[in-house]
Each structure stands twice: as C-alpha cells, then as structure tokens.
Amino acid sequence: MTKTLSTVKTRRALAADAEDIAGLLAVLGYPANTMEVTARMERFDQSDTSILIVAEIGERIVGVASGQLVPSIHDSALVGQLTGLVVDTAFQKRGVGAALTEVVENWVSENGAARITLTSASHREGAHAFYERLGYKRTGVRLAKSLPGARS
C-alpha cells in the first residue's frame, strides 16, 4: 500500500497521526481537535468501505486523503468517492496531492468501483484546476443541506 513519488511517501493513517491530521484539516478550513479527529479515524478503522491515507516527506505528515466505496442503484458497480484531500500549503505543487489521489483511485478500483467522484466547494478554484489536470471532469452540481440535530 505504500507508494513513493520522489520524496513523497504515502501510507494508511495511524492513530498516532491524529494531531497532524487535525492541523491539516485546519488548513482546509475545517478545524478539529485531536480528540475529534481520533474519533473520526476510528470510523475508518471499523469500515471496510473507507480508506484514510497520509503523505509524508521525511518524517513530516504533509497531506491526508480519504475515500469511500458507495453502492448505487443506477449502476451495478460501486462508485468510489474521494471524500477529502488536503496538503500543507508549504508542500503544495510537489506531487503530494497527486500521490494521495492516485492511492485512493487505485484502492477504489481494486475494490470494485468503476468510477470515482468528488465534491469541492465552489470557491476552491485552484482545487478544481488541480483535479481537472488529473483527468476529473465537471459533471454536475453538488447540493447540500444541514439536518436538524446532525452530529459532526
């Protein structure tokens, strides 16, 4: 599962990575403390249909990505989803995001997905350009609604 792209090494996230992942989530605009991230990571550990990957340069965690497999009624194959991707701003444009995306793409493919989708906030134009460089196409619109009493 480990992939190396120049100096970028990817691997499955470990519980010990929670603090670093929390810092990365803040970069993306989703601040969380280490305890919250640890609880979220436990969901990944308990799921056969989710993956959480970190990227390292040297001994430093510089990126994180998550993916899921989702059944659909309109297709016999599973759909893969890239559900999160963030790279430390000091390490962007060095292949980290591409390496993380590739690992998630390979994992969903190896687990039966015929395609992969992702969502990205409309104001993240740089991210959209990044994904398009990786071959992703704009195919629809994402709509979201917060539910009463929903937990994070």
N, C-alpha and C. Protein backbone atom coordinates (compact mmCIF):
# COMPACT_ATOMS: atom_id res chain seq x y z
N MET A 1 0.83 -1.20 0.00
CA MET A 1 0.00 0.00 0.00
C MET A 1 0.87 1.25 0.00
N THR A 2 2.14 1.14 0.35
CA THR A 2 2.99 2.31 0.37
C THR A 2 3.41 2.68 -1.04
N LYS A 3 3.33 3.96 -1.35
CA LYS A 3 3.72 4.44 -2.67
C LYS A 3 4.68 5.61 -2.48
N THR A 4 5.74 5.61 -3.26
CA THR A 4 6.69 6.70 -3.19
C THR A 4 6.72 7.43 -4.52
N LEU A 5 6.59 8.75 -4.48
CA LEU A 5 6.70 9.60 -5.66
C LEU A 5 7.75 10.63 -5.31
N SER A 6 8.92 10.54 -5.87
CA SER A 6 10.10 11.32 -5.49
C SER A 6 10.28 11.20 -3.99
N THR A 7 10.06 12.25 -3.24
CA THR A 7 10.27 12.18 -1.79
C THR A 7 8.97 12.02 -1.02
N VAL A 8 7.86 11.84 -1.73
CA VAL A 8 6.56 11.70 -1.08
C VAL A 8 6.29 10.22 -0.84
N LYS A 9 6.00 9.88 0.41
CA LYS A 9 5.66 8.51 0.77
C LYS A 9 4.22 8.53 1.28
N THR A 10 3.39 7.60 0.79
CA THR A 10 2.01 7.51 1.26
C THR A 10 1.82 6.22 2.03
N ARG A 11 0.93 6.27 3.02
CA ARG A 11 0.61 5.08 3.82
C ARG A 11 -0.74 5.29 4.48
N ARG A 12 -1.30 4.20 4.98
CA ARG A 12 -2.55 4.31 5.75
C ARG A 12 -2.29 5.12 7.01
N ALA A 13 -3.27 5.91 7.38
CA ALA A 13 -3.16 6.73 8.59
C ALA A 13 -3.19 5.84 9.83
N LEU A 14 -2.43 6.25 10.83
CA LEU A 14 -2.38 5.56 12.12
C LEU A 14 -2.96 6.48 13.19
N ALA A 15 -3.39 5.90 14.29
CA ALA A 15 -3.95 6.70 15.39
C ALA A 15 -2.98 7.79 15.83
N ALA A 16 -1.70 7.50 15.78
CA ALA A 16 -0.68 8.47 16.19
C ALA A 16 -0.62 9.69 15.27
N ASP A 17 -1.28 9.63 14.13
CA ASP A 17 -1.27 10.73 13.17
C ASP A 17 -2.36 11.77 13.43
N ALA A 18 -3.21 11.53 14.41
CA ALA A 18 -4.41 12.36 14.62
C ALA A 18 -4.07 13.85 14.80
N GLU A 19 -3.05 14.16 15.54
CA GLU A 19 -2.71 15.58 15.77
C GLU A 19 -2.29 16.25 14.47
N ASP A 20 -1.48 15.57 13.69
CA ASP A 20 -1.05 16.14 12.40
C ASP A 20 -2.23 16.29 11.45
N ILE A 21 -3.12 15.31 11.44
CA ILE A 21 -4.31 15.39 10.58
C ILE A 21 -5.19 16.55 11.01
N ALA A 22 -5.33 16.76 12.31
CA ALA A 22 -6.11 17.89 12.81
C ALA A 22 -5.54 19.20 12.28
N GLY A 23 -4.23 19.33 12.29
CA GLY A 23 -3.59 20.54 11.76
C GLY A 23 -3.87 20.72 10.28
N LEU A 24 -3.86 19.64 9.53
CA LEU A 24 -4.15 19.72 8.09
C LEU A 24 -5.60 20.11 7.84
N LEU A 25 -6.51 19.59 8.63
CA LEU A 25 -7.92 19.94 8.46
C LEU A 25 -8.14 21.43 8.69
N ALA A 26 -7.39 22.02 9.60
CA ALA A 26 -7.49 23.47 9.83
C ALA A 26 -7.05 24.24 8.59
N VAL A 27 -6.02 23.74 7.89
CA VAL A 27 -5.55 24.37 6.65
C VAL A 27 -6.69 24.41 5.63
N LEU A 28 -7.50 23.36 5.60
CA LEU A 28 -8.60 23.26 4.66
C LEU A 28 -9.82 24.08 5.10
N GLY A 29 -9.78 24.55 6.34
CA GLY A 29 -10.90 25.35 6.85
C GLY A 29 -11.89 24.55 7.68
N TYR A 30 -11.47 23.37 8.13
CA TYR A 30 -12.31 22.52 8.97
C TYR A 30 -11.59 22.20 10.27
N PRO A 31 -11.44 23.19 11.15
CA PRO A 31 -10.68 22.96 12.38
C PRO A 31 -11.32 21.87 13.24
N ALA A 32 -10.48 21.05 13.83
CA ALA A 32 -10.92 19.99 14.74
C ALA A 32 -9.78 19.72 15.71
N ASN A 33 -10.12 19.32 16.91
CA ASN A 33 -9.05 18.99 17.85
C ASN A 33 -8.66 17.52 17.68
N THR A 34 -7.57 17.15 18.32
CA THR A 34 -7.03 15.80 18.17
C THR A 34 -8.03 14.74 18.61
N MET A 35 -8.79 15.00 19.66
CA MET A 35 -9.77 14.03 20.15
C MET A 35 -10.87 13.80 19.10
N GLU A 36 -11.33 14.87 18.47
CA GLU A 36 -12.35 14.74 17.43
C GLU A 36 -11.82 13.93 16.25
N VAL A 37 -10.59 14.24 15.85
CA VAL A 37 -10.00 13.53 14.71
C VAL A 37 -9.79 12.06 15.05
N THR A 38 -9.36 11.77 16.27
CA THR A 38 -9.17 10.38 16.69
C THR A 38 -10.48 9.61 16.59
N ALA A 39 -11.58 10.21 17.03
CA ALA A 39 -12.89 9.55 16.94
C ALA A 39 -13.29 9.33 15.49
N ARG A 40 -13.02 10.29 14.64
CA ARG A 40 -13.34 10.14 13.21
C ARG A 40 -12.50 9.04 12.58
N MET A 41 -11.23 8.99 12.97
CA MET A 41 -10.33 7.97 12.43
C MET A 41 -10.79 6.56 12.82
N GLU A 42 -11.37 6.42 13.99
CA GLU A 42 -11.87 5.11 14.43
C GLU A 42 -12.95 4.60 13.49
N ARG A 43 -13.75 5.50 12.93
CA ARG A 43 -14.77 5.09 11.95
C ARG A 43 -14.11 4.45 10.73
N PHE A 44 -13.01 5.02 10.29
CA PHE A 44 -12.29 4.45 9.15
C PHE A 44 -11.73 3.08 9.50
N ASP A 45 -11.20 2.95 10.71
CA ASP A 45 -10.64 1.66 11.14
C ASP A 45 -11.70 0.58 11.18
N GLN A 46 -12.94 0.95 11.44
CA GLN A 46 -14.04 -0.01 11.57
C GLN A 46 -14.75 -0.27 10.26
N SER A 47 -14.34 0.38 9.20
CA SER A 47 -15.04 0.29 7.92
C SER A 47 -14.21 -0.43 6.87
N ASP A 48 -14.86 -1.33 6.16
CA ASP A 48 -14.22 -1.99 5.01
C ASP A 48 -14.40 -1.19 3.74
N THR A 49 -15.22 -0.14 3.81
CA THR A 49 -15.54 0.62 2.60
C THR A 49 -14.97 2.04 2.64
N SER A 50 -14.02 2.28 3.53
CA SER A 50 -13.39 3.60 3.64
C SER A 50 -11.89 3.44 3.80
N ILE A 51 -11.17 4.45 3.35
CA ILE A 51 -9.72 4.45 3.47
C ILE A 51 -9.26 5.85 3.87
N LEU A 52 -8.24 5.90 4.71
CA LEU A 52 -7.65 7.17 5.13
C LEU A 52 -6.14 7.04 4.95
N ILE A 53 -5.58 7.93 4.14
CA ILE A 53 -4.17 7.88 3.74
C ILE A 53 -3.47 9.17 4.14
N VAL A 54 -2.22 9.06 4.58
CA VAL A 54 -1.41 10.25 4.81
C VAL A 54 -0.22 10.22 3.86
N ALA A 55 0.31 11.41 3.62
CA ALA A 55 1.53 11.56 2.82
C ALA A 55 2.60 12.13 3.73
N GLU A 56 3.80 11.61 3.59
CA GLU A 56 4.94 12.09 4.38
C GLU A 56 6.06 12.54 3.46
N ILE A 57 6.74 13.57 3.87
CA ILE A 57 8.02 13.94 3.29
C ILE A 57 8.98 13.94 4.47
N GLY A 58 9.99 13.09 4.38
CA GLY A 58 10.84 12.87 5.54
C GLY A 58 9.99 12.23 6.63
N GLU A 59 10.02 12.79 7.79
CA GLU A 59 9.22 12.28 8.90
C GLU A 59 7.96 13.11 9.13
N ARG A 60 7.70 14.07 8.28
CA ARG A 60 6.60 15.01 8.48
C ARG A 60 5.38 14.62 7.65
N ILE A 61 4.21 14.59 8.28
CA ILE A 61 2.97 14.36 7.57
C ILE A 61 2.57 15.67 6.90
N VAL A 62 2.43 15.62 5.57
CA VAL A 62 2.18 16.85 4.81
C VAL A 62 0.86 16.81 4.03
N GLY A 63 0.14 15.71 4.13
CA GLY A 63 -1.13 15.62 3.44
C GLY A 63 -1.95 14.46 3.94
N VAL A 64 -3.24 14.54 3.68
CA VAL A 64 -4.17 13.47 4.06
C VAL A 64 -5.27 13.39 3.01
N ALA A 65 -5.74 12.17 2.76
CA ALA A 65 -6.86 11.96 1.83
C ALA A 65 -7.73 10.84 2.35
N SER A 66 -9.01 10.93 2.03
CA SER A 66 -9.94 9.87 2.41
C SER A 66 -10.77 9.48 1.20
N GLY A 67 -11.20 8.23 1.21
CA GLY A 67 -12.03 7.72 0.13
C GLY A 67 -13.04 6.72 0.65
N GLN A 68 -14.10 6.54 -0.13
CA GLN A 68 -15.15 5.59 0.24
C GLN A 68 -15.66 4.87 -0.99
N LEU A 69 -16.22 3.71 -0.75
CA LEU A 69 -16.93 2.95 -1.76
C LEU A 69 -18.42 3.06 -1.45
N VAL A 70 -19.22 3.36 -2.47
CA VAL A 70 -20.65 3.58 -2.27
C VAL A 70 -21.42 2.76 -3.30
N PRO A 71 -22.41 1.98 -2.84
CA PRO A 71 -23.26 1.28 -3.82
C PRO A 71 -24.24 2.27 -4.44
N SER A 72 -24.64 2.01 -5.66
CA SER A 72 -25.63 2.88 -6.29
C SER A 72 -26.72 2.01 -6.93
N ILE A 73 -27.88 2.57 -7.06
CA ILE A 73 -28.99 1.83 -7.67
C ILE A 73 -28.95 1.93 -9.19
N HIS A 74 -28.30 2.95 -9.73
CA HIS A 74 -28.30 3.15 -11.17
C HIS A 74 -27.14 2.46 -11.89
N ASP A 75 -26.29 1.76 -11.15
CA ASP A 75 -25.14 1.08 -11.75
C ASP A 75 -24.82 -0.16 -10.92
N SER A 76 -24.41 -1.22 -11.56
CA SER A 76 -24.06 -2.44 -10.83
C SER A 76 -22.74 -2.30 -10.10
N ALA A 77 -21.87 -1.48 -10.62
CA ALA A 77 -20.56 -1.30 -9.99
C ALA A 77 -20.65 -0.30 -8.84
N LEU A 78 -19.77 -0.46 -7.88
CA LEU A 78 -19.66 0.53 -6.81
C LEU A 78 -19.13 1.84 -7.38
N VAL A 79 -19.40 2.92 -6.69
CA VAL A 79 -18.84 4.22 -7.04
C VAL A 79 -17.81 4.57 -5.97
N GLY A 80 -16.64 4.97 -6.40
CA GLY A 80 -15.65 5.46 -5.45
C GLY A 80 -15.83 6.95 -5.25
N GLN A 81 -15.55 7.40 -4.04
CA GLN A 81 -15.60 8.84 -3.77
C GLN A 81 -14.31 9.26 -3.08
N LEU A 82 -13.70 10.30 -3.60
CA LEU A 82 -12.60 10.96 -2.92
C LEU A 82 -13.28 11.95 -1.98
N THR A 83 -13.33 11.64 -0.70
CA THR A 83 -14.14 12.43 0.22
C THR A 83 -13.38 13.52 0.94
N GLY A 84 -12.07 13.52 0.82
CA GLY A 84 -11.28 14.58 1.44
C GLY A 84 -9.86 14.55 0.92
N LEU A 85 -9.28 15.71 0.75
CA LEU A 85 -7.88 15.83 0.34
C LEU A 85 -7.37 17.19 0.79
N VAL A 86 -6.28 17.18 1.53
CA VAL A 86 -5.64 18.43 1.92
C VAL A 86 -4.14 18.22 1.99
N VAL A 87 -3.42 19.22 1.52
CA VAL A 87 -1.96 19.22 1.55
C VAL A 87 -1.52 20.49 2.26
N ASP A 88 -0.57 20.36 3.16
CA ASP A 88 0.02 21.52 3.84
C ASP A 88 0.45 22.54 2.79
N THR A 89 0.09 23.80 3.01
CA THR A 89 0.37 24.83 1.99
C THR A 89 1.85 24.92 1.65
N ALA A 90 2.74 24.63 2.59
CA ALA A 90 4.17 24.70 2.32
C ALA A 90 4.64 23.57 1.41
N PHE A 91 3.79 22.55 1.19
CA PHE A 91 4.19 21.39 0.40
C PHE A 91 3.32 21.19 -0.84
N GLN A 92 2.51 22.18 -1.17
CA GLN A 92 1.69 22.07 -2.38
C GLN A 92 2.56 22.22 -3.62
N LYS A 93 2.07 21.70 -4.71
CA LYS A 93 2.75 21.73 -6.02
C LYS A 93 4.05 20.92 -6.02
N ARG A 94 4.08 19.87 -5.18
CA ARG A 94 5.24 18.98 -5.11
C ARG A 94 4.86 17.52 -5.35
N GLY A 95 3.64 17.29 -5.84
CA GLY A 95 3.20 15.94 -6.14
C GLY A 95 2.48 15.24 -5.00
N VAL A 96 2.31 15.91 -3.87
CA VAL A 96 1.68 15.28 -2.71
C VAL A 96 0.21 14.98 -2.99
N GLY A 97 -0.54 15.97 -3.46
CA GLY A 97 -1.96 15.76 -3.75
C GLY A 97 -2.17 14.71 -4.83
N ALA A 98 -1.35 14.73 -5.85
CA ALA A 98 -1.46 13.75 -6.92
C ALA A 98 -1.17 12.34 -6.40
N ALA A 99 -0.17 12.21 -5.54
CA ALA A 99 0.17 10.90 -4.98
C ALA A 99 -0.97 10.37 -4.12
N LEU A 100 -1.55 11.23 -3.28
CA LEU A 100 -2.66 10.81 -2.43
C LEU A 100 -3.88 10.42 -3.27
N THR A 101 -4.18 11.23 -4.27
CA THR A 101 -5.32 10.94 -5.15
C THR A 101 -5.13 9.61 -5.86
N GLU A 102 -3.94 9.36 -6.33
CA GLU A 102 -3.65 8.11 -7.04
C GLU A 102 -3.87 6.90 -6.12
N VAL A 103 -3.45 7.00 -4.87
CA VAL A 103 -3.64 5.88 -3.95
C VAL A 103 -5.13 5.61 -3.74
N VAL A 104 -5.92 6.67 -3.53
CA VAL A 104 -7.36 6.49 -3.35
C VAL A 104 -7.99 5.91 -4.62
N GLU A 105 -7.62 6.45 -5.79
CA GLU A 105 -8.15 5.93 -7.05
C GLU A 105 -7.84 4.44 -7.21
N ASN A 106 -6.61 4.05 -6.93
CA ASN A 106 -6.23 2.64 -7.05
C ASN A 106 -7.01 1.77 -6.07
N TRP A 107 -7.19 2.25 -4.84
CA TRP A 107 -7.91 1.48 -3.83
C TRP A 107 -9.36 1.27 -4.24
N VAL A 108 -10.04 2.34 -4.70
CA VAL A 108 -11.45 2.16 -5.08
C VAL A 108 -11.56 1.24 -6.29
N SER A 109 -10.63 1.36 -7.23
CA SER A 109 -10.64 0.49 -8.41
C SER A 109 -10.42 -0.97 -8.02
N GLU A 110 -9.44 -1.21 -7.17
CA GLU A 110 -9.14 -2.58 -6.72
C GLU A 110 -10.31 -3.18 -5.94
N ASN A 111 -11.17 -2.34 -5.39
CA ASN A 111 -12.30 -2.81 -4.60
C ASN A 111 -13.63 -2.75 -5.35
N GLY A 112 -13.57 -2.66 -6.67
CA GLY A 112 -14.76 -2.85 -7.49
C GLY A 112 -15.43 -1.61 -8.02
N ALA A 113 -14.88 -0.44 -7.78
CA ALA A 113 -15.51 0.78 -8.31
C ALA A 113 -15.17 0.95 -9.79
N ALA A 114 -16.16 1.39 -10.54
CA ALA A 114 -15.96 1.62 -11.97
C ALA A 114 -15.58 3.07 -12.25
N ARG A 115 -15.86 3.97 -11.30
CA ARG A 115 -15.51 5.38 -11.46
C ARG A 115 -15.34 5.99 -10.08
N ILE A 116 -14.78 7.19 -10.06
CA ILE A 116 -14.60 7.90 -8.81
C ILE A 116 -15.13 9.32 -8.97
N THR A 117 -15.74 9.82 -7.93
CA THR A 117 -16.27 11.17 -7.94
C THR A 117 -15.71 11.93 -6.74
N LEU A 118 -15.89 13.23 -6.77
CA LEU A 118 -15.51 14.05 -5.63
C LEU A 118 -16.36 15.30 -5.65
N THR A 119 -16.41 15.97 -4.52
CA THR A 119 -17.05 17.28 -4.47
C THR A 119 -16.02 18.27 -3.96
N SER A 120 -16.17 19.50 -4.36
CA SER A 120 -15.26 20.56 -3.96
C SER A 120 -16.06 21.85 -3.85
N ALA A 121 -15.82 22.59 -2.79
CA ALA A 121 -16.55 23.84 -2.60
C ALA A 121 -16.34 24.76 -3.81
N SER A 122 -17.39 25.47 -4.18
CA SER A 122 -17.34 26.28 -5.40
C SER A 122 -16.25 27.36 -5.36
N HIS A 123 -15.83 27.81 -4.18
CA HIS A 123 -14.81 28.85 -4.11
C HIS A 123 -13.38 28.31 -4.24
N ARG A 124 -13.21 27.01 -4.30
CA ARG A 124 -11.87 26.41 -4.38
C ARG A 124 -11.44 26.21 -5.84
N GLU A 125 -11.32 27.31 -6.56
CA GLU A 125 -11.00 27.23 -7.98
C GLU A 125 -9.65 26.58 -8.25
N GLY A 126 -8.67 26.81 -7.38
CA GLY A 126 -7.37 26.17 -7.55
C GLY A 126 -7.47 24.66 -7.44
N ALA A 127 -8.30 24.20 -6.51
CA ALA A 127 -8.52 22.75 -6.37
C ALA A 127 -9.20 22.19 -7.61
N HIS A 128 -10.16 22.92 -8.15
CA HIS A 128 -10.85 22.45 -9.35
C HIS A 128 -9.86 22.28 -10.51
N ALA A 129 -8.98 23.25 -10.67
CA ALA A 129 -7.97 23.16 -11.74
C ALA A 129 -7.05 21.97 -11.50
N PHE A 130 -6.67 21.73 -10.25
CA PHE A 130 -5.82 20.59 -9.89
C PHE A 130 -6.51 19.28 -10.32
N TYR A 131 -7.77 19.11 -9.92
CA TYR A 131 -8.49 17.87 -10.25
C TYR A 131 -8.66 17.71 -11.76
N GLU A 132 -8.92 18.80 -12.45
CA GLU A 132 -9.06 18.71 -13.91
C GLU A 132 -7.74 18.29 -14.56
N ARG A 133 -6.61 18.75 -14.01
CA ARG A 133 -5.30 18.30 -14.52
C ARG A 133 -5.12 16.80 -14.33
N LEU A 134 -5.78 16.25 -13.30
CA LEU A 134 -5.68 14.81 -13.04
C LEU A 134 -6.71 14.00 -13.83
N GLY A 135 -7.51 14.68 -14.67
CA GLY A 135 -8.46 13.99 -15.53
C GLY A 135 -9.90 14.00 -15.06
N TYR A 136 -10.19 14.68 -13.97
CA TYR A 136 -11.57 14.78 -13.49
C TYR A 136 -12.33 15.79 -14.36
N LYS A 137 -13.61 15.52 -14.56
CA LYS A 137 -14.47 16.39 -15.38
C LYS A 137 -15.61 16.92 -14.52
N ARG A 138 -16.03 18.12 -14.82
CA ARG A 138 -17.22 18.69 -14.17
C ARG A 138 -18.44 18.03 -14.79
N THR A 139 -19.20 17.32 -13.96
CA THR A 139 -20.33 16.56 -14.49
C THR A 139 -21.66 16.89 -13.84
N GLY A 140 -21.66 17.76 -12.87
CA GLY A 140 -22.92 18.04 -12.20
C GLY A 140 -22.76 19.14 -11.17
N VAL A 141 -23.74 19.23 -10.31
CA VAL A 141 -23.79 20.23 -9.27
C VAL A 141 -23.98 19.51 -7.94
N ARG A 142 -23.29 19.93 -6.93
CA ARG A 142 -23.50 19.38 -5.60
C ARG A 142 -24.44 20.29 -4.84
N LEU A 143 -25.43 19.72 -4.20
CA LEU A 143 -26.33 20.45 -3.34
C LEU A 143 -26.20 19.85 -1.95
N ALA A 144 -26.29 20.66 -0.92
CA ALA A 144 -26.14 20.16 0.45
C ALA A 144 -27.18 20.79 1.35
N LYS A 145 -27.52 20.07 2.40
CA LYS A 145 -28.48 20.57 3.37
C LYS A 145 -28.09 20.04 4.74
N SER A 146 -27.99 20.93 5.70
CA SER A 146 -27.72 20.52 7.07
C SER A 146 -29.02 20.00 7.66
N LEU A 147 -28.92 18.92 8.41
CA LEU A 147 -30.10 18.31 9.01
C LEU A 147 -30.20 18.69 10.49
N PRO A 148 -31.42 18.90 10.97
CA PRO A 148 -31.59 19.25 12.38
C PRO A 148 -31.05 18.14 13.27
N GLY A 149 -30.31 18.53 14.28
CA GLY A 149 -29.79 17.55 15.23
C GLY A 149 -28.63 16.73 14.71
N ALA A 150 -28.11 17.07 13.53
CA ALA A 150 -27.00 16.31 12.97
C ALA A 150 -25.75 16.49 13.80
N ARG A 151 -25.01 15.40 13.96
CA ARG A 151 -23.73 15.44 14.67
C ARG A 151 -22.61 15.50 13.65
N SER A 152 -21.48 16.07 14.04
CA SER A 152 -20.34 16.08 13.11
C SER A 152 -19.57 14.81 13.22
